[in-house]
Amino acid sequence: MLREDERGQGTVEYAVVLGVLMCVVVALGALHDALGAGLFVEHALSAASHHVQASVGWLADVFVY
């Protein structure tokens, strides 16, 4: 038999789990949109080009010195 102060525990647990599940679904939807738009590929390409330019300049500095 449940005590009076534990009657709503199941409802609260259900609400918390449902809230977390909704956050996960929304985050997965945002990730899907970002992947579909090519955002990560574009960012990786721009970061790689900066890295290549920086490494070429660093290499030239080493050999010029």
N, C-alpha and C. Protein backbone atom coordinates (compact mmCIF):
# COMPACT_ATOMS: atom_id res chain seq x y z
N MET A 1 0.83 -1.19 0.00
CA MET A 1 0.00 0.00 0.00
C MET A 1 0.88 1.25 0.00
N LEU A 2 0.54 2.20 -0.83
CA LEU A 2 1.34 3.42 -0.96
C LEU A 2 1.04 4.40 0.16
N ARG A 3 2.09 5.06 0.58
CA ARG A 3 1.89 6.14 1.54
C ARG A 3 1.36 7.35 0.80
N GLU A 4 0.76 8.26 1.52
CA GLU A 4 0.15 9.43 0.88
C GLU A 4 1.18 10.31 0.17
N ASP A 5 2.40 10.41 0.68
CA ASP A 5 3.38 11.29 0.06
C ASP A 5 4.08 10.65 -1.14
N GLU A 6 3.77 9.42 -1.50
CA GLU A 6 4.39 8.74 -2.64
C GLU A 6 3.40 8.48 -3.77
N ARG A 7 2.22 9.03 -3.71
CA ARG A 7 1.22 8.75 -4.72
C ARG A 7 1.55 9.33 -6.08
N GLY A 8 2.21 10.47 -6.14
CA GLY A 8 2.50 11.11 -7.42
C GLY A 8 3.88 10.79 -7.96
N GLN A 9 4.59 9.87 -7.32
CA GLN A 9 5.96 9.59 -7.74
C GLN A 9 6.02 9.04 -9.16
N GLY A 10 5.13 8.14 -9.51
CA GLY A 10 5.13 7.57 -10.86
C GLY A 10 4.85 8.63 -11.93
N THR A 11 3.95 9.54 -11.62
CA THR A 11 3.63 10.60 -12.57
C THR A 11 4.82 11.53 -12.77
N VAL A 12 5.50 11.85 -11.69
CA VAL A 12 6.67 12.73 -11.78
C VAL A 12 7.79 12.03 -12.56
N GLU A 13 8.02 10.75 -12.30
CA GLU A 13 9.05 10.02 -13.03
C GLU A 13 8.71 9.95 -14.52
N TYR A 14 7.45 9.73 -14.84
CA TYR A 14 7.01 9.69 -16.23
C TYR A 14 7.25 11.04 -16.89
N ALA A 15 6.94 12.13 -16.21
CA ALA A 15 7.13 13.47 -16.77
C ALA A 15 8.61 13.77 -17.00
N VAL A 16 9.47 13.36 -16.07
CA VAL A 16 10.90 13.60 -16.22
C VAL A 16 11.45 12.80 -17.40
N VAL A 17 11.10 11.53 -17.49
CA VAL A 17 11.58 10.68 -18.58
C VAL A 17 11.06 11.19 -19.92
N LEU A 18 9.81 11.60 -19.96
CA LEU A 18 9.24 12.14 -21.20
C LEU A 18 9.96 13.43 -21.61
N GLY A 19 10.28 14.28 -20.66
CA GLY A 19 11.01 15.52 -20.96
C GLY A 19 12.40 15.23 -21.52
N VAL A 20 13.09 14.28 -20.92
CA VAL A 20 14.43 13.90 -21.41
C VAL A 20 14.32 13.30 -22.81
N LEU A 21 13.34 12.46 -23.02
CA LEU A 21 13.16 11.85 -24.33
C LEU A 21 12.87 12.91 -25.40
N MET A 22 12.07 13.89 -25.07
CA MET A 22 11.77 14.96 -26.02
C MET A 22 13.02 15.77 -26.34
N CYS A 23 13.87 16.01 -25.35
CA CYS A 23 15.13 16.73 -25.59
C CYS A 23 16.03 15.94 -26.53
N VAL A 24 16.09 14.63 -26.35
CA VAL A 24 16.90 13.78 -27.21
C VAL A 24 16.37 13.81 -28.65
N VAL A 25 15.07 13.74 -28.81
CA VAL A 25 14.46 13.76 -30.14
C VAL A 25 14.73 15.09 -30.84
N VAL A 26 14.61 16.20 -30.11
CA VAL A 26 14.86 17.51 -30.69
C VAL A 26 16.34 17.66 -31.07
N ALA A 27 17.24 17.18 -30.22
CA ALA A 27 18.67 17.26 -30.51
C ALA A 27 19.02 16.41 -31.73
N LEU A 28 18.43 15.24 -31.85
CA LEU A 28 18.68 14.40 -33.02
C LEU A 28 18.14 15.05 -34.29
N GLY A 29 17.01 15.72 -34.18
CA GLY A 29 16.46 16.44 -35.33
C GLY A 29 17.36 17.58 -35.77
N ALA A 30 17.91 18.32 -34.82
CA ALA A 30 18.83 19.41 -35.15
C ALA A 30 20.11 18.86 -35.77
N LEU A 31 20.60 17.75 -35.24
CA LEU A 31 21.79 17.12 -35.81
C LEU A 31 21.53 16.64 -37.23
N HIS A 32 20.36 16.08 -37.47
CA HIS A 32 19.99 15.62 -38.82
C HIS A 32 19.94 16.79 -39.79
N ASP A 33 19.36 17.90 -39.37
CA ASP A 33 19.31 19.08 -40.24
C ASP A 33 20.70 19.61 -40.55
N ALA A 34 21.58 19.63 -39.54
CA ALA A 34 22.94 20.13 -39.75
C ALA A 34 23.72 19.21 -40.68
N LEU A 35 23.54 17.91 -40.53
CA LEU A 35 24.23 16.97 -41.41
C LEU A 35 23.68 17.06 -42.83
N GLY A 36 22.38 17.23 -42.96
CA GLY A 36 21.76 17.33 -44.28
C GLY A 36 22.18 18.59 -45.02
N ALA A 37 22.42 19.66 -44.28
CA ALA A 37 22.83 20.92 -44.89
C ALA A 37 24.32 20.95 -45.22
N GLY A 38 25.06 19.96 -44.77
CA GLY A 38 26.49 19.91 -45.03
C GLY A 38 27.30 20.85 -44.15
N LEU A 39 26.76 21.22 -43.02
CA LEU A 39 27.42 22.17 -42.14
C LEU A 39 28.74 21.62 -41.62
N PHE A 40 28.77 20.36 -41.23
CA PHE A 40 29.99 19.77 -40.66
C PHE A 40 31.06 19.59 -41.74
N VAL A 41 30.65 19.23 -42.93
CA VAL A 41 31.62 19.06 -44.01
C VAL A 41 32.22 20.41 -44.38
N GLU A 42 31.38 21.43 -44.46
CA GLU A 42 31.86 22.78 -44.78
C GLU A 42 32.83 23.28 -43.71
N HIS A 43 32.50 23.05 -42.46
CA HIS A 43 33.38 23.47 -41.37
C HIS A 43 34.71 22.71 -41.41
N ALA A 44 34.65 21.42 -41.70
CA ALA A 44 35.88 20.63 -41.77
C ALA A 44 36.76 21.10 -42.92
N LEU A 45 36.16 21.41 -44.05
CA LEU A 45 36.95 21.90 -45.19
C LEU A 45 37.59 23.25 -44.91
N SER A 46 36.84 24.13 -44.28
CA SER A 46 37.42 25.44 -43.98
C SER A 46 38.52 25.33 -42.93
N ALA A 47 38.34 24.47 -41.95
CA ALA A 47 39.37 24.28 -40.94
C ALA A 47 40.60 23.62 -41.54
N ALA A 48 40.41 22.69 -42.45
CA ALA A 48 41.55 22.02 -43.08
C ALA A 48 42.33 23.00 -43.93
N SER A 49 41.66 23.90 -44.63
CA SER A 49 42.38 24.85 -45.47
C SER A 49 43.18 25.82 -44.61
N HIS A 50 42.64 26.23 -43.47
CA HIS A 50 43.40 27.10 -42.56
C HIS A 50 44.60 26.36 -42.01
N HIS A 51 44.42 25.11 -41.70
CA HIS A 51 45.51 24.32 -41.14
C HIS A 51 46.62 24.13 -42.18
N VAL A 52 46.24 23.88 -43.41
CA VAL A 52 47.24 23.69 -44.46
C VAL A 52 47.99 25.00 -44.71
N GLN A 53 47.27 26.11 -44.75
CA GLN A 53 47.93 27.40 -44.96
C GLN A 53 48.87 27.71 -43.80
N ALA A 54 48.45 27.44 -42.59
CA ALA A 54 49.29 27.72 -41.43
C ALA A 54 50.51 26.81 -41.41
N SER A 55 50.33 25.55 -41.77
CA SER A 55 51.47 24.63 -41.73
C SER A 55 52.48 24.96 -42.84
N VAL A 56 52.03 25.42 -43.99
CA VAL A 56 52.94 25.81 -45.07
C VAL A 56 53.74 27.03 -44.63
N GLY A 57 53.09 27.98 -44.01
CA GLY A 57 53.80 29.17 -43.52
C GLY A 57 54.81 28.81 -42.45
N TRP A 58 54.45 27.92 -41.55
CA TRP A 58 55.36 27.47 -40.49
C TRP A 58 56.55 26.74 -41.10
N LEU A 59 56.30 25.92 -42.09
CA LEU A 59 57.38 25.18 -42.74
C LEU A 59 58.33 26.11 -43.48
N ALA A 60 57.78 27.12 -44.13
CA ALA A 60 58.62 28.11 -44.83
C ALA A 60 59.46 28.88 -43.83
N ASP A 61 58.89 29.25 -42.68
CA ASP A 61 59.65 29.96 -41.66
C ASP A 61 60.83 29.12 -41.16
N VAL A 62 60.62 27.84 -41.01
CA VAL A 62 61.68 26.96 -40.52
C VAL A 62 62.81 26.90 -41.54
N PHE A 63 62.49 26.73 -42.82
CA PHE A 63 63.53 26.61 -43.82
C PHE A 63 64.21 27.94 -44.14
N VAL A 64 63.50 29.04 -44.02
CA VAL A 64 64.10 30.35 -44.28
C VAL A 64 65.05 30.72 -43.16
N TYR A 65 64.76 30.31 -41.95
CA TYR A 65 65.61 30.65 -40.83
C TYR A 65 66.94 29.98 -41.00
